[in-house]
PDB file of N, CA and C in Angstrom:
ATOM      1  N   MET A   1     114.085  71.086  61.118  1.00  0.00           N
ATOM      2  CA  MET A   1     113.586  70.475  62.344  1.00  0.00           C
ATOM      3  C   MET A   1     114.690  70.398  63.388  1.00  0.00           C
ATOM      4  N   LYS A   2     115.890  69.979  62.984  1.00  0.00           N
ATOM      5  CA  LYS A   2     116.993  69.860  63.918  1.00  0.00           C
ATOM      6  C   LYS A   2     117.392  71.222  64.476  1.00  0.00           C
ATOM      7  N   THR A   3     117.354  72.238  63.627  1.00  0.00           N
ATOM      8  CA  THR A   3     117.706  73.588  64.056  1.00  0.00           C
ATOM      9  C   THR A   3     116.744  74.089  65.113  1.00  0.00           C
ATOM     10  N   SER A   4     115.464  73.804  64.958  1.00  0.00           N
ATOM     11  CA  SER A   4     114.491  74.270  65.944  1.00  0.00           C
ATOM     12  C   SER A   4     114.674  73.570  67.284  1.00  0.00           C
ATOM     13  N   LYS A   5     115.077  72.295  67.265  1.00  0.00           N
ATOM     14  CA  LYS A   5     115.340  71.583  68.524  1.00  0.00           C
ATOM     15  C   LYS A   5     116.559  72.168  69.235  1.00  0.00           C
ATOM     16  N   ILE A   6     117.592  72.474  68.462  1.00  0.00           N
ATOM     17  CA  ILE A   6     118.792  73.075  69.053  1.00  0.00           C
ATOM     18  C   ILE A   6     118.451  74.437  69.635  1.00  0.00           C
ATOM     19  N   PHE A   7     117.667  75.214  68.899  1.00  0.00           N
ATOM     20  CA  PHE A   7     117.251  76.523  69.389  1.00  0.00           C
ATOM     21  C   PHE A   7     116.440  76.382  70.673  1.00  0.00           C
ATOM     22  N   ALA A   8     115.543  75.413  70.723  1.00  0.00           N
ATOM     23  CA  ALA A   8     114.718  75.198  71.912  1.00  0.00           C
ATOM     24  C   ALA A   8     115.580  74.838  73.118  1.00  0.00           C
ATOM     25  N   VAL A   9     116.566  73.980  72.910  1.00  0.00           N
ATOM     26  CA  VAL A   9     117.458  73.590  74.009  1.00  0.00           C
ATOM     27  C   VAL A   9     118.251  74.800  74.493  1.00  0.00           C
ATOM     28  N   LEU A  10     118.767  75.596  73.567  1.00  0.00           N
ATOM     29  CA  LEU A  10     119.519  76.794  73.959  1.00  0.00           C
ATOM     30  C   LEU A  10     118.629  77.792  74.694  1.00  0.00           C
ATOM     31  N   ALA A  11     117.390  77.935  74.249  1.00  0.00           N
ATOM     32  CA  ALA A  11     116.455  78.841  74.923  1.00  0.00           C
ATOM     33  C   ALA A  11     116.173  78.369  76.346  1.00  0.00           C
ATOM     34  N   ILE A  12     115.992  77.080  76.518  1.00  0.00           N
ATOM     35  CA  ILE A  12     115.734  76.514  77.845  1.00  0.00           C
ATOM     36  C   ILE A  12     116.939  76.733  78.759  1.00  0.00           C
ATOM     37  N   LEU A  13     118.134  76.476  78.251  1.00  0.00           N
ATOM     38  CA  LEU A  13     119.343  76.684  79.053  1.00  0.00           C
ATOM     39  C   LEU A  13     119.500  78.150  79.433  1.00  0.00           C
ATOM     40  N   GLY A  14     119.208  79.046  78.514  1.00  0.00           N
ATOM     41  CA  GLY A  14     119.276  80.478  78.810  1.00  0.00           C
ATOM     42  C   GLY A  14     118.281  80.878  79.877  1.00  0.00           C
ATOM     43  N   LEU A  15     117.081  80.320  79.798  1.00  0.00           N
ATOM     44  CA  LEU A  15     116.049  80.619  80.790  1.00  0.00           C
ATOM     45  C   LEU A  15     116.460  80.126  82.170  1.00  0.00           C
ATOM     46  N   LEU A  16     116.971  78.920  82.246  1.00  0.00           N
ATOM     47  CA  LEU A  16     117.395  78.375  83.537  1.00  0.00           C
ATOM     48  C   LEU A  16     118.569  79.155  84.116  1.00  0.00           C
ATOM     49  N   ALA A  17     119.476  79.604  83.268  1.00  0.00           N
ATOM     50  CA  ALA A  17     120.598  80.420  83.750  1.00  0.00           C
ATOM     51  C   ALA A  17     120.100  81.754  84.290  1.00  0.00           C
ATOM     52  N   ALA A  18     119.081  82.317  83.651  1.00  0.00           N
ATOM     53  CA  ALA A  18     118.522  83.588  84.111  1.00  0.00           C
ATOM     54  C   ALA A  18     117.828  83.435  85.453  1.00  0.00           C
ATOM     55  N   CYS A  19     117.347  82.257  85.759  1.00  0.00           N
ATOM     56  CA  CYS A  19     116.643  82.006  87.019  1.00  0.00           C
ATOM     57  C   CYS A  19     117.581  81.622  88.148  1.00  0.00           C
ATOM     58  N   ALA A  20     118.865  81.510  87.877  1.00  0.00           N
ATOM     59  CA  ALA A  20     119.810  81.091  88.915  1.00  0.00           C
ATOM     60  C   ALA A  20     119.794  82.080  90.070  1.00  0.00           C
ATOM     61  N   GLN A  21     119.977  81.562  91.270  1.00  0.00           N
ATOM     62  CA  GLN A  21     119.916  82.393  92.463  1.00  0.00           C
ATOM     63  C   GLN A  21     121.226  83.128  92.695  1.00  0.00           C
ATOM     64  N   PRO A  22     121.157  84.453  92.793  1.00  0.00           N
ATOM     65  CA  PRO A  22     122.361  85.205  93.121  1.00  0.00           C
ATOM     66  C   PRO A  22     122.582  85.221  94.636  1.00  0.00           C
ATOM     67  N   ASN A  23     123.767  85.589  95.047  1.00  0.00           N
ATOM     68  CA  ASN A  23     124.038  85.772  96.466  1.00  0.00           C
ATOM     69  C   ASN A  23     123.427  87.108  96.881  1.00  0.00           C
ATOM     70  N   PRO A  24     122.422  87.109  97.776  1.00  0.00           N
ATOM     71  CA  PRO A  24     121.772  88.364  98.128  1.00  0.00           C
ATOM     72  C   PRO A  24     122.669  89.298  98.935  1.00  0.00           C
ATOM     73  N   HIS A  25     123.766  88.800  99.487  1.00  0.00           N
ATOM     74  CA  HIS A  25     124.687  89.631 100.256  1.00  0.00           C
ATOM     75  C   HIS A  25     126.100  89.434  99.724  1.00  0.00           C
ATOM     76  N   PRO A  26     126.486  90.220  98.687  1.00  0.00           N
ATOM     77  CA  PRO A  26     127.793  90.009  98.084  1.00  0.00           C
ATOM     78  C   PRO A  26     128.951  90.383  99.004  1.00  0.00           C
ATOM     79  N   MET A  27     128.694  91.154 100.056  1.00  0.00           N
ATOM     80  CA  MET A  27     129.776  91.524 100.968  1.00  0.00           C
ATOM     81  C   MET A  27     129.768  90.619 102.195  1.00  0.00           C
ATOM     82  N   ASP A  28     130.820  90.681 102.974  1.00  0.00           N
ATOM     83  CA  ASP A  28     130.914  89.871 104.184  1.00  0.00           C
ATOM     84  C   ASP A  28     130.076  90.528 105.276  1.00  0.00           C
ATOM     85  N   MET A  29     128.864  90.065 105.427  1.00  0.00           N
ATOM     86  CA  MET A  29     127.935  90.658 106.396  1.00  0.00           C
ATOM     87  C   MET A  29     128.346  90.347 107.825  1.00  0.00           C
ATOM     88  N   THR A  30     129.014  89.242 108.046  1.00  0.00           N
ATOM     89  CA  THR A  30     129.413  88.852 109.398  1.00  0.00           C
ATOM     90  C   THR A  30     130.279  89.943 110.026  1.00  0.00           C
ATOM     91  N   GLN A  31     131.254  90.407 109.289  1.00  0.00           N
ATOM     92  CA  GLN A  31     132.167  91.442 109.799  1.00  0.00           C
ATOM     93  C   GLN A  31     131.414  92.744 110.053  1.00  0.00           C
ATOM     94  N   LEU A  32     130.542  93.135 109.145  1.00  0.00           N
ATOM     95  CA  LEU A  32     129.785  94.378 109.311  1.00  0.00           C
ATOM     96  C   LEU A  32     128.861  94.316 110.525  1.00  0.00           C
ATOM     97  N   VAL A  33     128.213  93.182 110.710  1.00  0.00           N
ATOM     98  CA  VAL A  33     127.298  93.028 111.836  1.00  0.00           C
ATOM     99  C   VAL A  33     128.071  93.025 113.152  1.00  0.00           C
ATOM    100  N   GLN A  34     129.198  92.334 113.180  1.00  0.00           N
ATOM    101  CA  GLN A  34     129.994  92.265 114.413  1.00  0.00           C
ATOM    102  C   GLN A  34     130.556  93.626 114.811  1.00  0.00           C
ATOM    103  N   ASN A  35     130.852  94.457 113.826  1.00  0.00           N
ATOM    104  CA  ASN A  35     131.445  95.764 114.112  1.00  0.00           C
ATOM    105  C   ASN A  35     130.406  96.860 114.335  1.00  0.00           C
ATOM    106  N   ALA A  36     129.145  96.573 114.148  1.00  0.00           N
ATOM    107  CA  ALA A  36     128.100  97.591 114.302  1.00  0.00           C
ATOM    108  C   ALA A  36     127.928  97.940 115.778  1.00  0.00           C
ATOM    109  N   LYS A  37     128.187  99.193 116.096  1.00  0.00           N
ATOM    110  CA  LYS A  37     128.068  99.641 117.481  1.00  0.00           C
ATOM    111  C   LYS A  37     127.198 100.897 117.602  1.00  0.00           C
ATOM    112  N   THR A  38     127.285 101.759 116.627  1.00  0.00           N
ATOM    113  CA  THR A  38     126.609 103.054 116.723  1.00  0.00           C
ATOM    114  C   THR A  38     125.236 103.020 116.049  1.00  0.00           C
ATOM    115  N   HIS A  39     124.494 104.075 116.309  1.00  0.00           N
ATOM    116  CA  HIS A  39     123.184 104.270 115.675  1.00  0.00           C
ATOM    117  C   HIS A  39     123.320 104.225 114.157  1.00  0.00           C
ATOM    118  N   ASP A  40     124.308 104.959 113.636  1.00  0.00           N
ATOM    119  CA  ASP A  40     124.504 105.019 112.181  1.00  0.00           C
ATOM    120  C   ASP A  40     124.891 103.666 111.591  1.00  0.00           C
ATOM    121  N   ASP A  41     125.692 102.889 112.322  1.00  0.00           N
ATOM    122  CA  ASP A  41     126.070 101.550 111.852  1.00  0.00           C
ATOM    123  C   ASP A  41     124.818 100.684 111.664  1.00  0.00           C
ATOM    124  N   HIS A  42     123.958 100.702 112.669  1.00  0.00           N
ATOM    125  CA  HIS A  42     122.747  99.877 112.605  1.00  0.00           C
ATOM    126  C   HIS A  42     121.768 100.397 111.558  1.00  0.00           C
ATOM    127  N   GLU A  43     121.691 101.708 111.394  1.00  0.00           N
ATOM    128  CA  GLU A  43     120.830 102.277 110.350  1.00  0.00           C
ATOM    129  C   GLU A  43     121.320 101.853 108.966  1.00  0.00           C
ATOM    130  N   ALA A  44     122.625 101.865 108.768  1.00  0.00           N
ATOM    131  CA  ALA A  44     123.189 101.449 107.477  1.00  0.00           C
ATOM    132  C   ALA A  44     122.885  99.977 107.204  1.00  0.00           C
ATOM    133  N   LEU A  45     123.023  99.153 108.232  1.00  0.00           N
ATOM    134  CA  LEU A  45     122.696  97.736 108.059  1.00  0.00           C
ATOM    135  C   LEU A  45     121.209  97.543 107.779  1.00  0.00           C
ATOM    136  N   ALA A  46     120.360  98.274 108.477  1.00  0.00           N
ATOM    137  CA  ALA A  46     118.916  98.176 108.241  1.00  0.00           C
ATOM    138  C   ALA A  46     118.587  98.560 106.801  1.00  0.00           C
ATOM    139  N   LYS A  47     119.213  99.637 106.313  1.00  0.00           N
ATOM    140  CA  LYS A  47     118.968 100.055 104.932  1.00  0.00           C
ATOM    141  C   LYS A  47     119.437  98.984 103.947  1.00  0.00           C
ATOM    142  N   HIS A  48     120.598  98.404 104.232  1.00  0.00           N
ATOM    143  CA  HIS A  48     121.106  97.334 103.360  1.00  0.00           C
ATOM    144  C   HIS A  48     120.103  96.174 103.297  1.00  0.00           C
ATOM    145  N   TYR A  49     119.611  95.743 104.454  1.00  0.00           N
ATOM    146  CA  TYR A  49     118.651  94.639 104.484  1.00  0.00           C
ATOM    147  C   TYR A  49     117.342  95.016 103.792  1.00  0.00           C
ATOM    148  N   GLU A  50     116.893  96.248 103.957  1.00  0.00           N
ATOM    149  CA  GLU A  50     115.675  96.687 103.269  1.00  0.00           C
ATOM    150  C   GLU A  50     115.866  96.699 101.760  1.00  0.00           C
ATOM    151  N   ASP A  51     117.015  97.210 101.309  1.00  0.00           N
ATOM    152  CA  ASP A  51     117.307  97.226  99.869  1.00  0.00           C
ATOM    153  C   ASP A  51     117.361  95.809  99.303  1.00  0.00           C
ATOM    154  N   THR A  52     117.980  94.909 100.047  1.00  0.00           N
ATOM    155  CA  THR A  52     118.062  93.514  99.612  1.00  0.00           C
ATOM    156  C   THR A  52     116.670  92.891  99.560  1.00  0.00           C
ATOM    157  N   ALA A  53     115.830  93.205 100.545  1.00  0.00           N
ATOM    158  CA  ALA A  53     114.453  92.693 100.546  1.00  0.00           C
ATOM    159  C   ALA A  53     113.701  93.182  99.307  1.00  0.00           C
ATOM    160  N   LYS A  54     113.921  94.438  98.927  1.00  0.00           N
ATOM    161  CA  LYS A  54     113.268  94.974  97.723  1.00  0.00           C
ATOM    162  C   LYS A  54     113.744  94.243  96.468  1.00  0.00           C
ATOM    163  N   GLU A  55     115.041  93.962  96.401  1.00  0.00           N
ATOM    164  CA  GLU A  55     115.577  93.226  95.254  1.00  0.00           C
ATOM    165  C   GLU A  55     114.977  91.821  95.187  1.00  0.00           C
ATOM    166  N   MET A  56     114.890  91.175  96.331  1.00  0.00           N
ATOM    167  CA  MET A  56     114.328  89.821  96.370  1.00  0.00           C
ATOM    168  C   MET A  56     112.835  89.849  96.029  1.00  0.00           C
ATOM    169  N   GLN A  57     112.115  90.894  96.459  1.00  0.00           N
ATOM    170  CA  GLN A  57     110.691  91.011  96.122  1.00  0.00           C
ATOM    171  C   GLN A  57     110.514  91.193  94.618  1.00  0.00           C
ATOM    172  N   ALA A  58     111.429  91.927  94.000  1.00  0.00           N
ATOM    173  CA  ALA A  58     111.379  92.080  92.539  1.00  0.00           C
ATOM    174  C   ALA A  58     111.550  90.722  91.857  1.00  0.00           C
ATOM    175  N   LYS A  59     112.410  89.881  92.410  1.00  0.00           N
ATOM    176  CA  LYS A  59     112.590  88.522  91.867  1.00  0.00           C
ATOM    177  C   LYS A  59     111.322  87.689  92.061  1.00  0.00           C
ATOM    178  N   VAL A  60     110.675  87.834  93.213  1.00  0.00           N
ATOM    179  CA  VAL A  60     109.404  87.128  93.450  1.00  0.00           C
ATOM    180  C   VAL A  60     108.401  87.543  92.379  1.00  0.00           C
ATOM    181  N   ASP A  61     108.263  88.841  92.179  1.00  0.00           N
ATOM    182  CA  ASP A  61     107.300  89.347  91.199  1.00  0.00           C
ATOM    183  C   ASP A  61     107.623  88.876  89.786  1.00  0.00           C
ATOM    184  N   GLU A  62     108.911  88.897  89.445  1.00  0.00           N
ATOM    185  CA  GLU A  62     109.349  88.449  88.122  1.00  0.00           C
ATOM    186  C   GLU A  62     109.001  86.975  87.896  1.00  0.00           C
ATOM    187  N   HIS A  63     109.251  86.146  88.887  1.00  0.00           N
ATOM    188  CA  HIS A  63     108.980  84.717  88.726  1.00  0.00           C
ATOM    189  C   HIS A  63     107.489  84.397  88.801  1.00  0.00           C
ATOM    190  N   LYS A  64     106.726  85.219  89.472  1.00  0.00           N
ATOM    191  CA  LYS A  64     105.270  85.035  89.445  1.00  0.00           C
ATOM    192  C   LYS A  64     104.731  85.304  88.043  1.00  0.00           C
ATOM    193  N   LYS A  65     105.296  86.298  87.368  1.00  0.00           N
ATOM    194  CA  LYS A  65     104.888  86.580  85.985  1.00  0.00           C
ATOM    195  C   LYS A  65     105.270  85.425  85.062  1.00  0.00           C
ATOM    196  N   LEU A  66     106.495  84.916  85.251  1.00  0.00           N
ATOM    197  CA  LEU A  66     106.924  83.771  84.442  1.00  0.00           C
ATOM    198  C   LEU A  66     106.025  82.565  84.688  1.00  0.00           C
ATOM    199  N   LEU A  67     105.708  82.315  85.955  1.00  0.00           N
ATOM    200  CA  LEU A  67     104.847  81.192  86.300  1.00  0.00           C
ATOM    201  C   LEU A  67     103.482  81.339  85.631  1.00  0.00           C
ATOM    202  N   ALA A  68     102.937  82.542  85.663  1.00  0.00           N
ATOM    203  CA  ALA A  68     101.649  82.786  85.020  1.00  0.00           C
ATOM    204  C   ALA A  68     101.731  82.493  83.518  1.00  0.00           C
ATOM    205  N   GLN A  69     102.848  82.875  82.904  1.00  0.00           N
ATOM    206  CA  GLN A  69     103.054  82.598  81.479  1.00  0.00           C
ATOM    207  C   GLN A  69     103.105  81.092  81.221  1.00  0.00           C
ATOM    208  N   TYR A  70     103.841  80.374  82.056  1.00  0.00           N
ATOM    209  CA  TYR A  70     103.955  78.927  81.885  1.00  0.00           C
ATOM    210  C   TYR A  70     102.609  78.241  82.097  1.00  0.00           C
ATOM    211  N   GLU A  71     101.825  78.752  83.031  1.00  0.00           N
ATOM    212  CA  GLU A  71     100.521  78.146  83.290  1.00  0.00           C
ATOM    213  C   GLU A  71      99.517  78.475  82.182  1.00  0.00           C
ATOM    214  N   ALA A  72      99.552  79.705  81.702  1.00  0.00           N
ATOM    215  CA  ALA A  72      98.592  80.123  80.678  1.00  0.00           C
ATOM    216  C   ALA A  72      98.893  79.500  79.317  1.00  0.00           C
ATOM    217  N   LYS A  73     100.174  79.308  79.016  1.00  0.00           N
ATOM    218  CA  LYS A  73     100.548  78.818  77.686  1.00  0.00           C
ATOM    219  C   LYS A  73     101.510  77.643  77.777  1.00  0.00           C
ATOM    220  N   SER A  74     101.157  76.697  78.620  1.00  0.00           N
ATOM    221  CA  SER A  74     102.049  75.553  78.814  1.00  0.00           C
ATOM    222  C   SER A  74     102.246  74.766  77.518  1.00  0.00           C
ATOM    223  N   TYR A  75     101.298  74.859  76.616  1.00  0.00           N
ATOM    224  CA  TYR A  75     101.419  74.137  75.343  1.00  0.00           C
ATOM    225  C   TYR A  75     102.626  74.615  74.534  1.00  0.00           C
ATOM    226  N   LEU A  76     103.109  75.815  74.800  1.00  0.00           N
ATOM    227  CA  LEU A  76     104.274  76.329  74.074  1.00  0.00           C
ATOM    228  C   LEU A  76     105.574  75.667  74.526  1.00  0.00           C
ATOM    229  N   TYR A  77     105.568  75.106  75.725  1.00  0.00           N
ATOM    230  CA  TYR A  77     106.791  74.593  76.312  1.00  0.00           C
ATOM    231  C   TYR A  77     106.880  73.067  76.318  1.00  0.00           C
ATOM    232  N   GLY A  78     105.881  72.422  75.771  1.00  0.00           N
ATOM    233  CA  GLY A  78     105.904  70.968  75.649  1.00  0.00           C
ATOM    234  C   GLY A  78     106.073  70.259  76.974  1.00  0.00           C
ATOM    235  N   ARG A  79     106.889  69.222  76.944  1.00  0.00           N
ATOM    236  CA  ARG A  79     107.099  68.414  78.151  1.00  0.00           C
ATOM    237  C   ARG A  79     107.822  69.184  79.250  1.00  0.00           C
ATOM    238  N   GLN A  80     108.494  70.246  78.894  1.00  0.00           N
ATOM    239  CA  GLN A  80     109.265  71.023  79.866  1.00  0.00           C
ATOM    240  C   GLN A  80     108.390  71.966  80.700  1.00  0.00           C
ATOM    241  N   ALA A  81     107.138  72.140  80.314  1.00  0.00           N
ATOM    242  CA  ALA A  81     106.262  73.099  80.982  1.00  0.00           C
ATOM    243  C   ALA A  81     106.175  72.850  82.483  1.00  0.00           C
ATOM    244  N   GLN A  82     105.979  71.616  82.886  1.00  0.00           N
ATOM    245  CA  GLN A  82     105.852  71.325  84.314  1.00  0.00           C
ATOM    246  C   GLN A  82     107.155  71.587  85.059  1.00  0.00           C
ATOM    247  N   ALA A  83     108.266  71.266  84.432  1.00  0.00           N
ATOM    248  CA  ALA A  83     109.567  71.534  85.064  1.00  0.00           C
ATOM    249  C   ALA A  83     109.767  73.040  85.254  1.00  0.00           C
ATOM    250  N   PHE A  84     109.381  73.833  84.259  1.00  0.00           N
ATOM    251  CA  PHE A  84     109.494  75.290  84.372  1.00  0.00           C
ATOM    252  C   PHE A  84     108.598  75.815  85.489  1.00  0.00           C
ATOM    253  N   LYS A  85     107.384  75.297  85.559  1.00  0.00           N
ATOM    254  CA  LYS A  85     106.457  75.727  86.617  1.00  0.00           C
ATOM    255  C   LYS A  85     107.021  75.384  87.987  1.00  0.00           C
ATOM    256  N   ASN A  86     107.506  74.163  88.147  1.00  0.00           N
ATOM    257  CA  ASN A  86     108.076  73.738  89.432  1.00  0.00           C
ATOM    258  C   ASN A  86     109.274  74.599  89.812  1.00  0.00           C
ATOM    259  N   HIS A  87     110.112  74.885  88.842  1.00  0.00           N
ATOM    260  CA  HIS A  87     111.301  75.700  89.091  1.00  0.00           C
ATOM    261  C   HIS A  87     110.905  77.100  89.549  1.00  0.00           C
ATOM    262  N   CYS A  88     109.942  77.689  88.872  1.00  0.00           N
ATOM    263  CA  CYS A  88     109.485  79.031  89.261  1.00  0.00           C
ATOM    264  C   CYS A  88     108.852  79.017  90.649  1.00  0.00           C
ATOM    265  N   GLN A  89     108.056  78.001  90.940  1.00  0.00           N
ATOM    266  CA  GLN A  89     107.443  77.914  92.272  1.00  0.00           C
ATOM    267  C   GLN A  89     108.515  77.791  93.352  1.00  0.00           C
ATOM    268  N   TYR A  90     109.542  77.012  93.076  1.00  0.00           N
ATOM    269  CA  TYR A  90     110.647  76.877  94.021  1.00  0.00           C
ATOM    270  C   TYR A  90     111.338  78.223  94.241  1.00  0.00           C
ATOM    271  N   LEU A  91     111.634  78.934  93.139  1.00  0.00           N
ATOM    272  CA  LEU A  91     112.311  80.224  93.266  1.00  0.00           C
ATOM    273  C   LEU A  91     111.432  81.253  93.967  1.00  0.00           C
ATOM    274  N   ILE A  92     110.143  81.247  93.682  1.00  0.00           N
ATOM    275  CA  ILE A  92     109.225  82.168  94.360  1.00  0.00           C
ATOM    276  C   ILE A  92     109.274  81.925  95.863  1.00  0.00           C
ATOM    277  N   SER A  93     109.203  80.682  96.262  1.00  0.00           N
ATOM    278  CA  SER A  93     109.249  80.339  97.680  1.00  0.00           C
ATOM    279  C   SER A  93     110.582  80.744  98.310  1.00  0.00           C
ATOM    280  N   THR A  94     111.670  80.451  97.630  1.00  0.00           N
ATOM    281  CA  THR A  94     113.001  80.774  98.152  1.00  0.00           C
ATOM    282  C   THR A  94     113.195  82.277  98.280  1.00  0.00           C
ATOM    283  N   TYR A  95     112.846  83.017  97.234  1.00  0.00           N
ATOM    284  CA  TYR A  95     112.997  84.469  97.283  1.00  0.00           C
ATOM    285  C   TYR A  95     112.071  85.087  98.325  1.00  0.00           C
ATOM    286  N   GLN A  96     110.876  84.535  98.491  1.00  0.00           N
ATOM    287  CA  GLN A  96     109.950  85.067  99.501  1.00  0.00           C
ATOM    288  C   GLN A  96     110.520  84.859 100.903  1.00  0.00           C
ATOM    289  N   GLN A  97     111.157  83.735 101.132  1.00  0.00           N
ATOM    290  CA  GLN A  97     111.818  83.508 102.424  1.00  0.00           C
ATOM    291  C   GLN A  97     112.938  84.523 102.636  1.00  0.00           C
ATOM    292  N   ALA A  98     113.660  84.844 101.569  1.00  0.00           N
ATOM    293  CA  ALA A  98     114.731  85.838 101.667  1.00  0.00           C
ATOM    294  C   ALA A  98     114.157  87.219 101.964  1.00  0.00           C
ATOM    295  N   VAL A  99     113.022  87.545 101.365  1.00  0.00           N
ATOM    296  CA  VAL A  99     112.355  88.824 101.655  1.00  0.00           C
ATOM    297  C   VAL A  99     112.025  88.905 103.136  1.00  0.00           C
ATOM    298  N   THR A 100     111.382  87.876 103.657  1.00  0.00           N
ATOM    299  CA  THR A 100     110.980  87.848 105.065  1.00  0.00           C
ATOM    300  C   THR A 100     112.195  87.953 105.987  1.00  0.00           C
ATOM    301  N   ALA A 101     113.234  87.186 105.702  1.00  0.00           N
ATOM    302  CA  ALA A 101     114.436  87.206 106.543  1.00  0.00           C
ATOM    303  C   ALA A 101     115.102  88.578 106.528  1.00  0.00           C
ATOM    304  N   ASN A 102     115.170  89.212 105.358  1.00  0.00           N
ATOM    305  CA  ASN A 102     115.806  90.522 105.268  1.00  0.00           C
ATOM    306  C   ASN A 102     114.977  91.600 105.957  1.00  0.00           C
ATOM    307  N   ILE A 103     113.668  91.514 105.860  1.00  0.00           N
ATOM    308  CA  ILE A 103     112.810  92.470 106.563  1.00  0.00           C
ATOM    309  C   ILE A 103     112.974  92.304 108.069  1.00  0.00           C
ATOM    310  N   ASP A 104     113.029  91.070 108.526  1.00  0.00           N
ATOM    311  CA  ASP A 104     113.239  90.817 109.960  1.00  0.00           C
ATOM    312  C   ASP A 104     114.576  91.388 110.432  1.00  0.00           C
ATOM    313  N   MET A 105     115.626  91.197 109.640  1.00  0.00           N
ATOM    314  CA  MET A 105     116.939  91.729 110.011  1.00  0.00           C
ATOM    315  C   MET A 105     116.928  93.255 110.014  1.00  0.00           C
ATOM    316  N   ALA A 106     116.254  93.857 109.048  1.00  0.00           N
ATOM    317  CA  ALA A 106     116.161  95.321 109.005  1.00  0.00           C
ATOM    318  C   ALA A 106     115.459  95.844 110.253  1.00  0.00           C
ATOM    319  N   GLU A 107     114.371  95.197 110.630  1.00  0.00           N
ATOM    320  CA  GLU A 107     113.640  95.616 111.833  1.00  0.00           C
ATOM    321  C   GLU A 107     114.512  95.472 113.077  1.00  0.00           C
ATOM    322  N   ALA A 108     115.254  94.395 113.177  1.00  0.00           N
ATOM    323  CA  ALA A 108     116.126  94.185 114.338  1.00  0.00           C
ATOM    324  C   ALA A 108     117.190  95.279 114.414  1.00  0.00           C
ATOM    325  N   HIS A 109     117.771  95.645 113.275  1.00  0.00           N
ATOM    326  CA  HIS A 109     118.802  96.685 113.291  1.00  0.00           C
ATOM    327  C   HIS A 109     118.204  98.070 113.524  1.00  0.00           C
ATOM    328  N   ARG A 110     116.987  98.285 113.082  1.00  0.00           N
ATOM    329  CA  ARG A 110     116.319  99.567 113.396  1.00  0.00           C
ATOM    330  C   ARG A 110     116.112  99.677 114.912  1.00  0.00           C
ATOM    331  N   GLN A 111     115.726  98.582 115.516  1.00  0.00           N
ATOM    332  CA  GLN A 111     115.526  98.573 116.970  1.00  0.00           C
ATOM    333  C   GLN A 111     116.861  98.810 117.689  1.00  0.00           C
ATOM    334  N   MET A 112     117.931  98.157 117.220  1.00  0.00           N
ATOM    335  CA  MET A 112     119.249  98.370 117.824  1.00  0.00           C
ATOM    336  C   MET A 112     119.726  99.803 117.623  1.00  0.00           C
ATOM    337  N   ALA A 113     119.385 100.375 116.468  1.00  0.00           N
ATOM    338  CA  ALA A 113     119.766 101.771 116.198  1.00  0.00           C
ATOM    339  C   ALA A 113     119.042 102.703 117.172  1.00  0.00           C
ATOM    340  N   ALA A 114     117.785 102.426 117.434  1.00  0.00           N
ATOM    341  CA  ALA A 114     117.004 103.244 118.378  1.00  0.00           C
ATOM    342  C   ALA A 114     117.588 103.136 119.789  1.00  0.00           C
ATOM    343  N   GLU A 115     118.018 101.954 120.151  1.00  0.00           N
ATOM    344  CA  GLU A 115     118.592 101.749 121.484  1.00  0.00           C
ATOM    345  C   GLU A 115     119.980 102.372 121.603  1.00  0.00           C
ATOM    346  N   ALA A 116     120.679 102.521 120.486  1.00  0.00           N
ATOM    347  CA  ALA A 116     122.036 103.069 120.503  1.00  0.00           C
ATOM    348  C   ALA A 116     122.044 104.597 120.553  1.00  0.00           C
ATOM    349  N   LYS A 117     120.914 105.227 120.409  1.00  0.00           N
ATOM    350  CA  LYS A 117     120.852 106.707 120.426  1.00  0.00           C
ATOM    351  C   LYS A 117     121.243 107.253 121.757  1.00  0.00           C
TER     352      LYS A 117
END
């Protein structure tokens, strides 16, 4: 019985660590944006933002699947089920905001690239 409780706690900690939010822009975007002058500079930034939006959308989709699992089989997770659901809903919302923001930035840089031609 004690072993199963320890295993459950470790599984929960592993799950929460897997859901941790990464930095969607590991590089210094401020410097890149400030130095963008040419068509190619803005196209590269637009592609970066689009790629980041795709990564964030994959996270949205992943957490929607997890949420569906928690909702369909909440009995497997005991008292922690609601906390898992809330956590996934929070991450879905956060990642969706990141998707929207990155798409907006990509569109802005595409427009700047068109104007720089």
